[in-house]
N, C-alpha and C. Protein backbone atom coordinates (compact mmCIF):
# COMPACT_ATOMS: atom_id res chain seq x y z
N UNK A 1 11.84 -44.07 93.70
CA UNK A 1 12.49 -44.75 91.84
C UNK A 1 11.27 -44.10 91.43
N UNK A 2 11.97 -42.37 90.99
CA UNK A 2 10.35 -42.88 89.22
C UNK A 2 10.60 -43.61 88.18
N UNK A 3 9.51 -43.61 87.71
CA UNK A 3 9.75 -43.54 86.16
C UNK A 3 10.44 -42.57 85.32
N UNK A 4 11.40 -43.28 84.51
CA UNK A 4 12.34 -42.51 83.43
C UNK A 4 11.57 -41.95 82.28
N UNK A 5 10.03 -43.32 82.27
CA UNK A 5 9.10 -42.67 80.92
C UNK A 5 8.53 -42.31 80.48
N UNK A 6 7.63 -41.03 80.41
CA UNK A 6 6.30 -40.55 79.64
C UNK A 6 5.19 -41.60 79.57
N UNK A 7 5.60 -42.29 79.16
CA UNK A 7 4.58 -43.58 78.60
C UNK A 7 4.56 -45.09 79.71
N UNK A 8 5.23 -44.28 81.26
CA UNK A 8 4.89 -45.34 82.28
C UNK A 8 4.28 -44.53 83.07
N UNK A 9 3.81 -43.46 82.38
CA UNK A 9 3.22 -42.40 83.34
C UNK A 9 1.60 -41.55 83.77
N UNK A 10 1.00 -42.47 81.98
CA UNK A 10 -0.28 -42.76 82.04
C UNK A 10 -1.20 -42.93 81.03
N UNK A 11 -2.01 -43.05 80.77
CA UNK A 11 -3.23 -43.35 79.11
C UNK A 11 -3.12 -43.12 78.90
N UNK A 12 -2.72 -41.99 78.67
CA UNK A 12 -3.79 -40.28 77.34
C UNK A 12 -1.56 -40.66 77.02
N UNK A 13 -0.42 -40.70 77.09
CA UNK A 13 0.47 -40.97 77.32
C UNK A 13 1.45 -41.90 76.41
N UNK A 14 0.46 -42.92 77.06
CA UNK A 14 0.85 -44.11 75.85
C UNK A 14 -0.37 -44.24 74.39
N UNK A 15 -0.43 -43.90 74.56
CA UNK A 15 -1.93 -43.05 73.53
C UNK A 15 -1.71 -41.91 72.06
N UNK A 16 -0.50 -42.08 72.78
CA UNK A 16 0.00 -40.61 71.83
C UNK A 16 0.85 -41.21 70.57
N UNK A 17 1.66 -42.75 71.19
CA UNK A 17 2.31 -43.65 70.06
C UNK A 17 1.85 -43.88 69.04
N UNK A 18 0.48 -43.96 69.42
CA UNK A 18 -0.30 -45.11 68.32
C UNK A 18 -0.96 -43.55 67.24
N UNK A 19 -1.08 -42.59 67.27
CA UNK A 19 -1.83 -41.83 67.09
C UNK A 19 -0.28 -41.01 65.82
N UNK A 20 0.83 -40.96 67.29
CA UNK A 20 1.94 -40.42 66.28
C UNK A 20 2.45 -41.42 64.84
N UNK A 21 2.40 -42.83 65.00
CA UNK A 21 2.72 -43.94 64.38
C UNK A 21 1.55 -43.31 63.15
N UNK A 22 0.60 -43.33 63.48
CA UNK A 22 -0.94 -42.81 62.54
C UNK A 22 -0.76 -42.19 61.95
N UNK A 23 -0.66 -40.84 62.17
CA UNK A 23 -0.97 -39.90 61.02
C UNK A 23 0.98 -40.33 60.42
N UNK A 24 1.90 -40.10 60.57
CA UNK A 24 3.28 -41.27 59.63
C UNK A 24 2.66 -42.42 59.09
N UNK A 25 2.24 -42.71 58.68
CA UNK A 25 1.81 -44.18 57.61
C UNK A 25 1.00 -43.29 56.95
N UNK A 26 0.47 -42.43 57.53
CA UNK A 26 -1.07 -41.57 56.71
C UNK A 26 -0.17 -40.38 55.58
N UNK A 27 0.94 -40.34 56.18
CA UNK A 27 1.38 -38.94 55.18
C UNK A 27 1.95 -39.50 54.69
N UNK A 28 2.86 -40.54 54.90
CA UNK A 28 3.74 -42.43 53.73
C UNK A 28 2.62 -42.35 52.75
N UNK A 29 1.28 -42.97 53.24
CA UNK A 29 0.45 -43.80 51.96
C UNK A 29 -0.15 -42.24 50.55
N UNK A 30 0.25 -40.77 51.34
CA UNK A 30 -0.21 -39.88 50.64
C UNK A 30 0.96 -39.49 49.56
N UNK A 31 2.32 -39.37 50.18
CA UNK A 31 3.40 -39.68 49.42
C UNK A 31 3.52 -40.28 48.67
N UNK A 32 3.32 -42.00 48.84
CA UNK A 32 3.57 -42.78 47.81
C UNK A 32 2.42 -42.95 46.92
N UNK A 33 1.50 -43.00 47.01
CA UNK A 33 0.93 -43.37 46.31
C UNK A 33 0.74 -42.95 44.69
N UNK A 34 0.79 -41.53 44.50
CA UNK A 34 0.81 -41.77 43.05
C UNK A 34 1.78 -42.44 42.19
N UNK A 35 3.28 -41.81 42.62
CA UNK A 35 4.45 -42.67 42.29
C UNK A 35 4.57 -44.14 42.50
N UNK A 36 3.96 -45.01 43.22
CA UNK A 36 2.35 -46.20 43.11
C UNK A 36 2.52 -46.24 42.09
N UNK A 37 1.05 -46.08 42.26
CA UNK A 37 0.22 -45.84 40.86
C UNK A 37 1.07 -44.96 39.31
N UNK A 38 2.18 -44.45 38.83
CA UNK A 38 2.52 -44.13 37.93
C UNK A 38 3.25 -45.18 37.50
N UNK A 39 4.05 -45.32 38.68
CA UNK A 39 5.23 -46.81 38.30
C UNK A 39 5.12 -48.09 38.13
N UNK A 40 3.69 -48.50 38.98
CA UNK A 40 3.06 -49.96 39.02
C UNK A 40 1.67 -49.99 38.47
N UNK A 41 0.76 -48.72 38.40
CA UNK A 41 -0.39 -49.00 38.18
C UNK A 41 -0.72 -49.56 39.26
N UNK A 42 -1.99 -50.08 39.24
CA UNK A 42 -2.76 -50.03 40.01
C UNK A 42 -2.93 -51.85 41.00
N UNK A 43 -2.45 -52.32 40.28
CA UNK A 43 -1.18 -53.27 41.32
C UNK A 43 -0.07 -53.02 42.29
N UNK A 44 0.85 -52.14 41.92
CA UNK A 44 1.16 -51.30 42.89
C UNK A 44 0.70 -50.67 43.17
N UNK A 45 -0.12 -49.79 43.28
CA UNK A 45 -0.86 -48.91 44.56
C UNK A 45 -1.57 -49.48 45.31
N UNK A 46 -2.27 -51.51 44.35
CA UNK A 46 -2.63 -52.14 45.43
C UNK A 46 -2.18 -53.08 47.02
N UNK A 47 -0.82 -52.49 46.49
CA UNK A 47 0.15 -53.21 47.14
C UNK A 47 0.23 -52.40 48.02
N UNK A 48 0.68 -51.63 47.79
CA UNK A 48 1.16 -49.77 48.40
C UNK A 48 0.05 -49.97 49.34
N UNK A 49 -1.03 -50.16 49.53
CA UNK A 49 -1.94 -49.69 50.58
C UNK A 49 -2.51 -50.98 51.36
N UNK A 50 -2.61 -52.15 50.96
CA UNK A 50 -2.39 -52.94 51.38
C UNK A 50 -1.38 -54.07 52.56
N UNK A 51 0.20 -53.07 51.91
CA UNK A 51 1.44 -53.09 52.79
C UNK A 51 1.97 -52.79 53.75
N UNK A 52 1.00 -51.13 53.70
CA UNK A 52 0.97 -49.68 54.07
C UNK A 52 0.17 -50.66 56.16
N UNK A 53 -1.03 -50.67 55.63
CA UNK A 53 -1.92 -50.93 56.21
C UNK A 53 -1.33 -52.34 57.11
N UNK A 54 -1.16 -53.25 56.30
CA UNK A 54 0.33 -54.37 57.28
C UNK A 54 0.85 -53.90 58.28
N UNK A 55 1.64 -53.07 57.81
CA UNK A 55 2.81 -52.82 58.81
C UNK A 55 2.13 -51.40 59.51
N UNK A 56 0.86 -51.44 59.10
CA UNK A 56 0.54 -50.49 60.34
C UNK A 56 -0.45 -51.20 61.45
N UNK A 57 -1.04 -51.89 61.23
CA UNK A 57 -1.64 -53.03 61.97
C UNK A 57 -0.85 -53.80 62.70
N UNK A 58 0.52 -53.87 62.64
CA UNK A 58 1.47 -54.65 63.30
C UNK A 58 2.09 -54.69 64.41
N UNK A 59 2.40 -53.20 63.55
CA UNK A 59 3.00 -51.73 64.60
C UNK A 59 2.59 -51.84 65.80
N UNK A 60 1.11 -51.29 65.79
CA UNK A 60 0.20 -50.21 66.35
C UNK A 60 -0.64 -51.27 67.17
N UNK A 61 -0.82 -52.83 66.59
CA UNK A 61 -1.65 -53.67 67.21
C UNK A 61 -0.92 -54.31 68.36
N UNK A 62 0.69 -54.71 68.26
CA UNK A 62 1.77 -54.97 69.13
C UNK A 62 2.19 -54.48 70.03
N UNK A 63 2.52 -52.38 69.66
CA UNK A 63 1.95 -51.54 70.61
C UNK A 63 1.72 -52.18 71.56
N UNK A 64 -0.37 -51.44 71.24
CA UNK A 64 -1.25 -51.93 72.94
C UNK A 64 -0.93 -53.49 72.91
N UNK A 65 -0.56 -54.83 72.49
CA UNK A 65 -0.67 -55.34 73.48
C UNK A 65 0.57 -55.44 74.02
N UNK A 66 1.77 -54.90 74.01
CA UNK A 66 2.16 -54.82 74.81
C UNK A 66 2.62 -53.79 76.21
N UNK A 67 1.98 -52.41 75.50
CA UNK A 67 1.78 -51.74 76.11
C UNK A 67 0.62 -51.96 77.72
N UNK A 68 -0.35 -53.06 77.58
CA UNK A 68 -1.05 -53.52 77.59
C UNK A 68 -0.79 -54.79 78.73
N UNK A 69 -0.06 -55.13 79.29
CA UNK A 69 0.48 -56.66 79.27
C UNK A 69 1.75 -55.80 79.80
N UNK A 70 2.85 -54.85 80.18
CA UNK A 70 3.95 -54.17 80.82
C UNK A 70 3.12 -53.12 81.15
N UNK A 71 2.13 -52.76 81.28
CA UNK A 71 1.63 -51.67 81.95
C UNK A 71 1.73 -50.68 83.76
N UNK A 72 2.53 -51.85 84.45
CA UNK A 72 2.72 -51.89 85.92
C UNK A 72 4.13 -51.66 86.06
N UNK A 73 5.00 -52.60 84.65
CA UNK A 73 6.30 -51.62 84.47
C UNK A 73 6.88 -50.20 84.17
N UNK A 74 7.79 -50.84 85.06
CA UNK A 74 8.08 -48.95 85.34
C UNK A 74 8.47 -48.33 83.47
N UNK A 75 9.69 -48.73 83.21
CA UNK A 75 10.21 -48.68 82.16
C UNK A 75 9.17 -50.12 81.33
N UNK A 76 8.90 -49.37 79.59
CA UNK A 76 8.09 -50.16 78.91
C UNK A 76 9.04 -49.94 77.21
N UNK A 77 10.21 -49.29 77.83
CA UNK A 77 10.71 -49.21 75.98
C UNK A 77 10.93 -50.01 75.81
N UNK A 78 11.90 -51.06 77.09
CA UNK A 78 13.05 -52.38 76.82
C UNK A 78 11.52 -53.67 76.43
N UNK A 79 10.80 -54.21 77.47
CA UNK A 79 9.76 -54.94 76.57
C UNK A 79 9.11 -54.63 75.17
N UNK A 80 8.76 -53.38 75.14
CA UNK A 80 8.36 -53.30 73.94
C UNK A 80 8.82 -53.48 72.67
N UNK A 81 10.92 -52.78 72.81
CA UNK A 81 11.80 -53.49 71.21
C UNK A 81 11.49 -54.56 71.62
N UNK A 82 12.28 -55.25 72.76
CA UNK A 82 12.35 -56.46 72.42
C UNK A 82 11.81 -57.13 72.11
N UNK A 83 10.18 -57.89 73.26
CA UNK A 83 9.24 -58.50 73.09
C UNK A 83 8.69 -58.64 71.80
N UNK A 84 8.46 -56.34 71.26
CA UNK A 84 8.09 -56.39 70.34
C UNK A 84 8.18 -56.96 68.59
N UNK A 85 9.78 -57.04 69.33
CA UNK A 85 9.65 -57.52 67.59
C UNK A 85 9.25 -59.47 67.18
N UNK A 86 9.31 -60.25 68.78
CA UNK A 86 8.86 -61.81 68.47
C UNK A 86 7.81 -62.00 67.92
N UNK A 87 6.68 -60.35 68.67
CA UNK A 87 5.35 -60.72 68.61
C UNK A 87 4.80 -60.04 67.26
N UNK A 88 5.57 -58.69 66.47
CA UNK A 88 5.51 -58.20 65.57
C UNK A 88 6.21 -59.44 64.90
N UNK A 89 6.66 -60.29 64.81
CA UNK A 89 7.79 -61.41 63.32
C UNK A 89 6.54 -62.30 63.01
N UNK A 90 5.59 -62.66 64.22
CA UNK A 90 4.62 -63.72 64.41
C UNK A 90 3.08 -63.36 63.65
N UNK A 91 3.21 -61.60 63.86
CA UNK A 91 1.64 -61.28 64.17
C UNK A 91 1.86 -61.12 62.48
N UNK A 92 3.27 -60.60 61.72
CA UNK A 92 3.45 -60.70 60.14
C UNK A 92 3.31 -62.05 59.02
N UNK A 93 3.89 -62.98 60.01
CA UNK A 93 3.69 -63.37 58.55
C UNK A 93 2.25 -64.46 58.95
N UNK A 94 1.88 -64.46 59.82
CA UNK A 94 0.58 -64.76 60.57
C UNK A 94 0.02 -64.13 59.25
N UNK A 95 -0.77 -62.78 59.26
CA UNK A 95 -0.93 -62.24 58.67
C UNK A 95 -0.36 -62.29 57.10
N UNK A 96 1.07 -61.55 57.14
CA UNK A 96 0.62 -62.41 55.14
C UNK A 96 0.90 -63.47 54.57
N UNK A 97 0.68 -65.14 55.84
CA UNK A 97 -0.18 -65.98 55.13
C UNK A 97 -1.11 -66.03 55.25
N UNK A 98 -2.10 -65.16 55.59
CA UNK A 98 -3.77 -64.63 55.60
C UNK A 98 -4.36 -64.51 53.84
N UNK A 99 -3.37 -63.19 54.47
CA UNK A 99 -3.06 -62.70 52.65
C UNK A 99 -2.84 -62.82 51.56
N UNK A 100 -1.70 -63.91 51.24
CA UNK A 100 -1.79 -64.30 50.87
C UNK A 100 -2.94 -65.93 50.08
N UNK A 101 -3.68 -66.20 50.97
CA UNK A 101 -4.90 -67.57 50.87
C UNK A 101 -5.96 -66.65 50.51
N UNK A 102 -6.03 -65.94 51.38
CA UNK A 102 -7.21 -64.95 50.97
C UNK A 102 -7.54 -64.26 49.52
N UNK A 103 -6.01 -63.51 49.10
CA UNK A 103 -6.69 -62.74 47.89
C UNK A 103 -5.31 -63.01 47.06
N UNK A 104 -5.39 -62.31 45.76
CA UNK A 104 -4.51 -62.69 44.68
C UNK A 104 -4.02 -61.43 44.62
N UNK A 105 -2.18 -61.51 45.55
CA UNK A 105 -1.78 -59.97 44.68
C UNK A 105 -0.24 -60.38 44.68
N UNK A 106 0.31 -59.65 44.34
CA UNK A 106 2.04 -59.92 43.90
C UNK A 106 2.60 -59.96 45.74
N UNK A 107 3.35 -60.78 45.47
CA UNK A 107 3.31 -60.74 46.62
C UNK A 107 4.97 -60.36 46.99
N UNK A 108 5.41 -59.85 45.51
CA UNK A 108 6.99 -59.51 45.48
C UNK A 108 6.46 -57.94 46.20
N UNK A 109 5.77 -56.98 44.74
CA UNK A 109 5.44 -55.79 45.65
C UNK A 109 5.10 -55.58 46.72
N UNK A 110 3.87 -56.54 47.07
CA UNK A 110 3.60 -56.52 48.57
C UNK A 110 4.20 -56.76 49.81
N UNK A 111 5.18 -57.37 49.47
CA UNK A 111 6.62 -57.81 50.89
C UNK A 111 7.57 -56.27 50.97
N UNK A 112 7.40 -55.92 50.02
CA UNK A 112 8.64 -54.82 49.70
C UNK A 112 8.18 -53.50 50.48
N UNK A 113 6.47 -53.24 49.85
CA UNK A 113 5.99 -52.56 50.35
C UNK A 113 6.46 -52.12 51.86
N UNK A 114 5.74 -53.62 52.49
CA UNK A 114 5.90 -54.12 53.71
C UNK A 114 6.06 -53.87 54.63
N UNK A 115 7.43 -53.99 54.22
CA UNK A 115 9.29 -53.80 54.44
C UNK A 115 9.33 -52.91 54.56
N UNK A 116 9.07 -51.71 53.48
CA UNK A 116 9.45 -50.56 53.35
C UNK A 116 8.61 -49.24 54.43
N UNK A 117 7.20 -49.58 54.48
CA UNK A 117 6.96 -48.60 55.61
C UNK A 117 6.45 -49.51 57.13
N UNK A 118 7.39 -50.87 57.22
CA UNK A 118 7.06 -51.46 58.55
C UNK A 118 8.18 -50.91 59.09
N UNK A 119 9.49 -50.35 58.54
CA UNK A 119 10.77 -50.16 58.92
C UNK A 119 11.23 -48.96 59.52
N UNK A 120 9.85 -48.24 58.15
CA UNK A 120 9.82 -46.26 59.20
C UNK A 120 8.89 -46.65 60.46
N UNK A 121 7.78 -47.57 60.77
CA UNK A 121 6.78 -46.95 61.37
C UNK A 121 8.11 -47.58 62.99
N UNK A 122 8.88 -48.86 62.72
CA UNK A 122 9.18 -49.30 63.94
C UNK A 122 10.82 -48.40 64.27
N UNK A 123 11.55 -47.20 63.32
CA UNK A 123 12.28 -46.50 63.99
C UNK A 123 11.08 -45.44 63.60
N UNK A 124 10.62 -44.31 63.79
CA UNK A 124 9.64 -43.73 64.23
C UNK A 124 8.86 -44.37 65.57
N UNK A 125 8.43 -45.78 65.50
CA UNK A 125 8.07 -45.80 66.92
C UNK A 125 9.53 -45.89 68.87
N UNK A 126 10.78 -46.06 67.02
CA UNK A 126 11.65 -46.57 68.67
C UNK A 126 12.18 -44.50 69.23
N UNK A 127 12.17 -44.00 68.34
CA UNK A 127 12.75 -43.19 68.31
C UNK A 127 11.84 -42.33 69.10
N UNK A 128 9.82 -41.78 68.96
CA UNK A 128 9.48 -41.84 69.71
C UNK A 128 9.68 -42.21 71.58
N UNK A 129 9.85 -43.55 71.16
CA UNK A 129 10.00 -43.93 72.75
C UNK A 129 11.72 -43.35 73.34
N UNK A 130 12.72 -43.70 72.79
CA UNK A 130 13.59 -43.04 73.20
C UNK A 130 13.02 -41.72 73.53
N UNK A 131 13.05 -40.62 72.55
CA UNK A 131 12.46 -39.04 72.95
C UNK A 131 11.90 -39.45 74.86
N UNK A 132 10.49 -40.44 75.10
CA UNK A 132 10.43 -40.15 76.01
C UNK A 132 10.97 -40.15 77.45
N UNK A 133 11.90 -40.85 77.15
CA UNK A 133 12.53 -41.19 77.90
C UNK A 133 13.89 -39.57 78.68
N UNK A 134 13.91 -39.01 77.60
CA UNK A 134 14.13 -37.07 77.42
C UNK A 134 16.10 -37.70 77.84
N UNK A 135 16.75 -38.79 77.47
CA UNK A 135 18.01 -38.81 77.60
C UNK A 135 18.15 -38.73 78.91
N UNK A 136 17.69 -39.26 80.33
CA UNK A 136 18.26 -39.26 80.58
C UNK A 136 18.49 -41.02 81.52
N UNK A 137 19.62 -41.09 82.61
CA UNK A 137 19.97 -42.09 82.43
C UNK A 137 18.22 -42.93 84.26
N UNK A 138 18.54 -43.88 84.14
CA UNK A 138 17.40 -44.67 84.74
C UNK A 138 17.98 -44.16 86.09
N UNK A 139 17.50 -43.65 86.94
CA UNK A 139 18.31 -43.73 88.43
C UNK A 139 18.04 -44.60 88.96
N UNK A 140 19.15 -45.17 90.55
CA UNK A 140 18.86 -46.03 91.11
C UNK A 140 18.32 -46.53 91.71
């Protein structure tokens, strides 16, 4: 029984997803920075950068933790998607609570930017994991 996932084969292929997500996040930040500043000023730019950072940290950290926890599994896509949902929301709410207590920030803007960046990263991660399987059915 072979693994149908390149993600499950080597440590290097598991590192590919966080690198891909980091590149996507940096590109999105570069694209969104000027409109955020022009439309909302410094506060919006600050919220955009903070939301992007929190979204990136949540997705990449949970991916790394789940990939390490399921390192011996044949296919890690399902544990990452299903287990990651619960882990990520716990991390996200914890980070939001911490940020709201420590920093003075407009939570409305922060949540909007955070959700936008988070959703893009989750879709990119799911797409990357789906492309790793190559569209093949698992062998019995």
